[in-house]
Each structure stands twice: as structure tokens, then as C-alpha cells.
Amino acid sequence: MCIRILIADDHSLFREGLSNLFTDESIEIVGMAESGGDAIEKSRILKPDIILMDIGMKGMNGIDATKIICRETPEIRIIGLTMHSDINYIREILDSGASGYILKSCSYAELLEAIFAVHKGNTYLSEEITNIVVNDYLMKGKPQNNYKLNLSERETEVFEFFVKGFSTREIANKLFVSVKTIGSHKQHILKKLDLKSNSDLIKYGLKNGLISKD
């Protein structure tokens, strides 16, 4: 039985090169899409078995397209085929309904392995992606440096000096700014992290692994 595939990628050279790569008689390329919206429209018309979906495309991205396709036609299986190895992209497209995720740097043999696995109803993650997912899971039980999400780049720099024990004047000298400027940064840091004092800063640093307990 032939596996019918739609390739969704906004680079025509990649689409054509990938299409020409398939020599296995059990695989048929039924169409190509240059955006997420195009992939949705062609999935409705062509009814492929599998879509090889890029993430970063012009117009609608591959994640949003995956959500719609999986909702409308759940029998279509989607494999994220992308250059992105960021855990957030991996989570989002898998949560959207994708059955696989591999990188564009993969070998032809691995791509075939992913296609056959997903066509059988299995989920396929490349070894590199599996390691990223596992490491993310393991890190969830460890302290997270979430302060970097809340503070500006300069505030982060000042904060890390404070938790390492530097005084306001020492930090000002290191950053070539006034003591008043560092004091202002400190107030913003305390407010953003919902802390009240230097003591709270130290406790926060210990909790997040920024200061050794030894």
C-alpha cells in the first residue's frame, strides 16, 4: 500500500529536493505546500496519509496549521520536519496533534523510518529530540532560573551580582554607572521578583542554585 505524502515548507528548493529524494516505491508525493494555510487547503483536497510539516513558514506557521488539520482530519498524520530543536517548538507541535518530530539534518534512512513508524500509528521522535524532551522532563524537578524571564538583561546582570555578595557601590563600579542607578535597578528587581530585602535576594539565589550552600 502506497503512503501518500504532502510536503509543507516555504522553501521551494527544499520541497523539490526532498520530493526528488524519495525513491521508495511505497511512498508517493501527492503535493507540496508553501505555508501553513496552503497545507490546510491541500490537505482538504488531497487527503494525504502524512504531512511533513515545517514550523517556521511565512503566513500561518506549521504549529497553527497542525492544530487545524488534526482537528478537521485526525486521520492525517503529521511529522514536524524542521531545523528547530527548541523544546517549546517540540512541545507546541506535539500538543497540537503531530505524531512525530525530526530535524532537517536527519538522514534519508531516518526520515523513512519516521514515515513508516507514524504511518503504522506510532509516535516518532529522533534520538536528538528524544534527549531534549527527556532532559526537559528531568529538569522540571530542579530549581529553575525563572528570574531571567522577568528581568531585563541589565537587571539580570545586577541581580546576579547582588546574590553573589557584591555591594551596590561595587556593582556600580563594575558596570560603570552611578550608585543611584544600581539602587533603582535593585528596587525594580525586588518588585518584579516579589522580594522585600537583601536577605530575600540571598534566599532566592540559594533556592535557584545561584549560590552554593557550602
Protein backbone atom coordinates (compact mmCIF):
# COMPACT_ATOMS: atom_id res chain seq x y z
CA MET A 1 0.00 0.00 0.00
CA CYS A 2 1.42 3.39 -1.04
CA ILE A 3 1.91 6.08 1.63
CA ARG A 4 0.68 9.40 0.26
CA ILE A 5 2.70 12.39 1.47
CA LEU A 6 2.26 16.16 1.37
CA ILE A 7 5.38 18.30 1.90
CA ALA A 8 4.79 21.67 3.63
CA ASP A 9 7.77 24.02 3.59
CA ASP A 10 8.21 27.63 2.48
CA HIS A 11 11.49 26.96 0.64
CA SER A 12 10.79 25.70 -2.87
CA LEU A 13 14.31 24.29 -3.28
CA PHE A 14 13.90 22.19 -0.14
CA ARG A 15 10.44 20.98 -1.18
CA GLU A 16 11.63 19.95 -4.62
CA GLY A 17 14.85 18.41 -3.34
CA LEU A 18 13.00 16.39 -0.72
CA SER A 19 10.43 15.26 -3.26
CA ASN A 20 13.14 14.02 -5.62
CA LEU A 21 14.87 12.22 -2.76
CA PHE A 22 12.13 9.61 -2.36
CA THR A 23 12.87 6.53 -4.39
CA ASP A 24 10.96 4.03 -2.27
CA GLU A 25 8.05 2.67 -4.33
CA SER A 26 5.81 2.58 -1.26
CA ILE A 27 5.87 6.40 -0.99
CA GLU A 28 4.06 8.84 -3.27
CA ILE A 29 4.43 12.64 -3.02
CA VAL A 30 0.91 13.88 -3.75
CA GLY A 31 1.54 17.60 -3.31
CA MET A 32 3.54 20.48 -1.86
CA ALA A 33 2.51 23.47 0.24
CA GLU A 34 4.40 26.71 0.82
CA SER A 35 2.65 27.85 4.01
CA GLY A 36 0.51 26.61 6.86
CA GLY A 37 -2.63 27.92 5.19
CA ASP A 38 -1.68 26.24 1.93
CA ALA A 39 -1.09 22.98 3.80
CA ILE A 40 -4.60 23.15 5.28
CA GLU A 41 -6.23 23.75 1.90
CA LYS A 42 -4.26 21.00 0.16
CA SER A 43 -4.86 18.53 2.99
CA ARG A 44 -8.60 19.02 2.45
CA ILE A 45 -8.31 18.35 -1.28
CA LEU A 46 -5.54 15.74 -1.47
CA LYS A 47 -6.24 13.81 1.74
CA PRO A 48 -2.62 12.67 2.26
CA ASP A 49 -1.71 9.98 4.76
CA ILE A 50 1.18 12.03 6.16
CA ILE A 51 2.24 15.67 6.06
CA LEU A 52 5.90 16.58 6.52
CA MET A 53 5.39 19.94 8.22
CA ASP A 54 7.94 22.72 8.65
CA ILE A 55 7.35 25.05 11.62
CA GLY A 56 8.66 28.46 10.59
CA MET A 57 6.77 29.35 7.43
CA LYS A 58 5.55 32.66 6.04
CA GLY A 59 1.94 33.43 6.83
CA MET A 60 0.48 30.73 9.05
CA ASN A 61 3.15 28.64 10.78
CA GLY A 62 3.26 24.86 10.94
CA ILE A 63 2.08 24.64 14.54
CA ASP A 64 -1.16 26.51 13.91
CA ALA A 65 -1.71 24.55 10.70
CA THR A 66 -1.19 21.29 12.58
CA LYS A 67 -3.87 22.22 15.12
CA ILE A 68 -6.44 22.85 12.40
CA ILE A 69 -5.57 19.80 10.29
CA CYS A 70 -5.58 17.44 13.27
CA ARG A 71 -8.93 18.84 14.39
CA GLU A 72 -10.53 18.60 10.94
CA THR A 73 -8.97 15.36 9.71
CA PRO A 74 -7.39 13.43 12.61
CA GLU A 75 -6.64 10.50 10.30
CA ILE A 76 -3.92 12.60 8.64
CA ARG A 77 -0.65 12.08 10.50
CA ILE A 78 1.80 14.96 10.79
CA ILE A 79 5.56 14.85 11.25
CA GLY A 80 7.35 18.05 12.22
CA LEU A 81 10.33 18.30 9.87
CA THR A 82 12.26 21.41 10.86
CA MET A 83 15.58 22.97 11.79
CA HIS A 84 14.28 23.99 15.24
CA SER A 85 15.36 21.90 18.26
CA ASP A 86 13.90 24.26 20.88
CA ILE A 87 11.80 22.42 23.48
CA ASN A 88 8.99 24.98 23.17
CA TYR A 89 8.52 24.21 19.47
CA ILE A 90 8.63 20.49 20.19
CA ARG A 91 6.00 20.77 22.92
CA GLU A 92 3.72 23.01 20.88
CA ILE A 93 3.54 20.94 17.72
CA LEU A 94 3.17 17.66 19.64
CA ASP A 95 0.43 19.22 21.77
CA SER A 96 -1.19 20.36 18.52
CA GLY A 97 -1.50 16.74 17.41
CA ALA A 98 1.69 15.93 15.49
CA SER A 99 2.80 12.29 15.59
CA GLY A 100 6.49 12.88 15.03
CA TYR A 101 9.33 15.38 15.16
CA ILE A 102 12.66 15.18 13.37
CA LEU A 103 15.29 17.66 12.28
CA LYS A 104 16.17 18.60 8.72
CA SER A 105 19.70 17.42 9.43
CA CYS A 106 18.44 13.82 9.65
CA SER A 107 19.46 11.13 7.18
CA TYR A 108 17.20 9.83 4.43
CA ALA A 109 17.09 6.47 6.24
CA GLU A 110 15.85 8.12 9.44
CA LEU A 111 13.20 10.10 7.53
CA LEU A 112 11.90 6.85 6.04
CA GLU A 113 11.93 5.25 9.48
CA ALA A 114 9.84 8.13 10.84
CA ILE A 115 7.35 7.93 7.97
CA PHE A 116 6.83 4.18 8.29
CA ALA A 117 6.53 4.38 12.09
CA VAL A 118 3.97 7.18 12.02
CA HIS A 119 2.01 5.52 9.22
CA LYS A 120 1.63 2.47 11.47
CA GLY A 121 0.11 4.65 14.17
CA ASN A 122 3.21 5.11 16.29
CA THR A 123 4.87 8.30 17.50
CA TYR A 124 8.37 9.02 16.24
CA LEU A 125 10.96 11.34 17.78
CA SER A 126 14.54 11.38 16.55
CA GLU A 127 17.22 10.47 19.10
CA GLU A 128 18.28 14.10 19.46
CA ILE A 129 14.69 15.27 20.02
CA THR A 130 14.06 12.43 22.48
CA ASN A 131 17.07 13.55 24.52
CA ILE A 132 15.80 17.13 24.58
CA VAL A 133 12.34 16.00 25.74
CA VAL A 134 13.78 13.72 28.44
CA ASN A 135 16.16 16.41 29.72
CA ASP A 136 13.29 18.89 29.88
CA TYR A 137 11.25 16.40 31.91
CA LEU A 138 14.12 15.77 34.32
CA MET A 139 14.78 19.50 34.74
CA LYS A 140 11.21 20.13 35.85
CA GLY A 141 12.13 18.73 39.25
CA LYS A 142 15.12 21.06 39.62
CA PRO A 143 15.28 24.75 40.53
CA GLN A 144 14.55 26.96 37.53
CA ASN A 145 16.17 30.34 36.94
CA ASN A 146 12.84 31.99 36.10
CA TYR A 147 14.16 35.40 37.09
CA LYS A 148 15.60 35.70 33.58
CA LEU A 149 12.06 35.65 32.21
CA ASN A 150 11.01 38.57 34.42
CA LEU A 151 14.07 40.82 34.40
CA SER A 152 15.69 42.89 31.68
CA GLU A 153 19.21 41.99 30.57
CA ARG A 154 20.77 44.72 32.74
CA GLU A 155 18.54 43.87 35.72
CA THR A 156 19.59 40.23 35.41
CA GLU A 157 23.24 41.29 35.46
CA VAL A 158 22.72 43.46 38.55
CA PHE A 159 20.67 40.76 40.27
CA GLU A 160 23.38 38.14 39.81
CA PHE A 161 26.00 40.49 41.26
CA PHE A 162 23.79 41.11 44.32
CA VAL A 163 23.20 37.44 45.07
CA LYS A 164 26.95 36.81 44.81
CA GLY A 165 27.51 39.29 47.62
CA PHE A 166 28.65 42.44 45.80
CA SER A 167 27.65 45.77 47.34
CA THR A 168 25.74 48.47 45.49
CA ARG A 169 28.91 50.55 45.08
CA GLU A 170 30.96 47.56 43.87
CA ILE A 171 28.33 46.77 41.25
CA ALA A 172 28.19 50.41 40.15
CA ASN A 173 31.98 50.41 39.69
CA LYS A 174 31.92 47.17 37.71
CA LEU A 175 29.18 48.39 35.39
CA PHE A 176 30.49 51.97 35.16
CA VAL A 177 27.22 53.53 36.32
CA SER A 178 26.17 55.55 39.36
CA VAL A 179 25.22 54.09 42.74
CA LYS A 180 21.80 55.71 42.27
CA THR A 181 21.29 53.78 39.01
CA ILE A 182 22.10 50.47 40.70
CA GLY A 183 19.76 51.36 43.56
CA SER A 184 16.99 51.97 41.04
CA HIS A 185 17.67 48.63 39.34
CA LYS A 186 17.56 46.93 42.72
CA GLN A 187 14.13 48.34 43.50
CA HIS A 188 12.82 47.16 40.15
CA ILE A 189 14.31 43.70 40.75
CA LEU A 190 12.74 43.37 44.19
CA LYS A 191 9.37 44.44 42.84
CA LYS A 192 9.43 42.13 39.81
CA LEU A 193 10.51 39.10 41.85
CA ASP A 194 8.18 39.98 44.74
CA LEU A 195 11.07 40.22 47.20
CA LYS A 196 11.49 42.68 50.07
CA SER A 197 15.14 42.84 51.12
CA ASN A 198 18.77 41.78 50.57
CA SER A 199 18.05 38.74 52.69
CA ASP A 200 15.26 37.74 50.30
CA LEU A 201 17.67 38.12 47.39
CA ILE A 202 20.12 35.73 49.04
CA LYS A 203 17.37 33.20 49.78
CA TYR A 204 16.19 33.43 46.17
CA GLY A 205 19.74 32.85 44.97
CA LEU A 206 20.09 29.74 47.14
CA LYS A 207 16.73 28.37 46.03
CA ASN A 208 17.58 28.79 42.36
CA GLY A 209 21.07 27.34 42.60
CA LEU A 210 22.85 30.65 42.04
CA ILE A 211 24.68 30.44 45.36
CA SER A 212 26.43 27.39 46.77
CA LYS A 213 25.17 26.24 50.17
CA ASP A 214 28.70 25.16 51.13
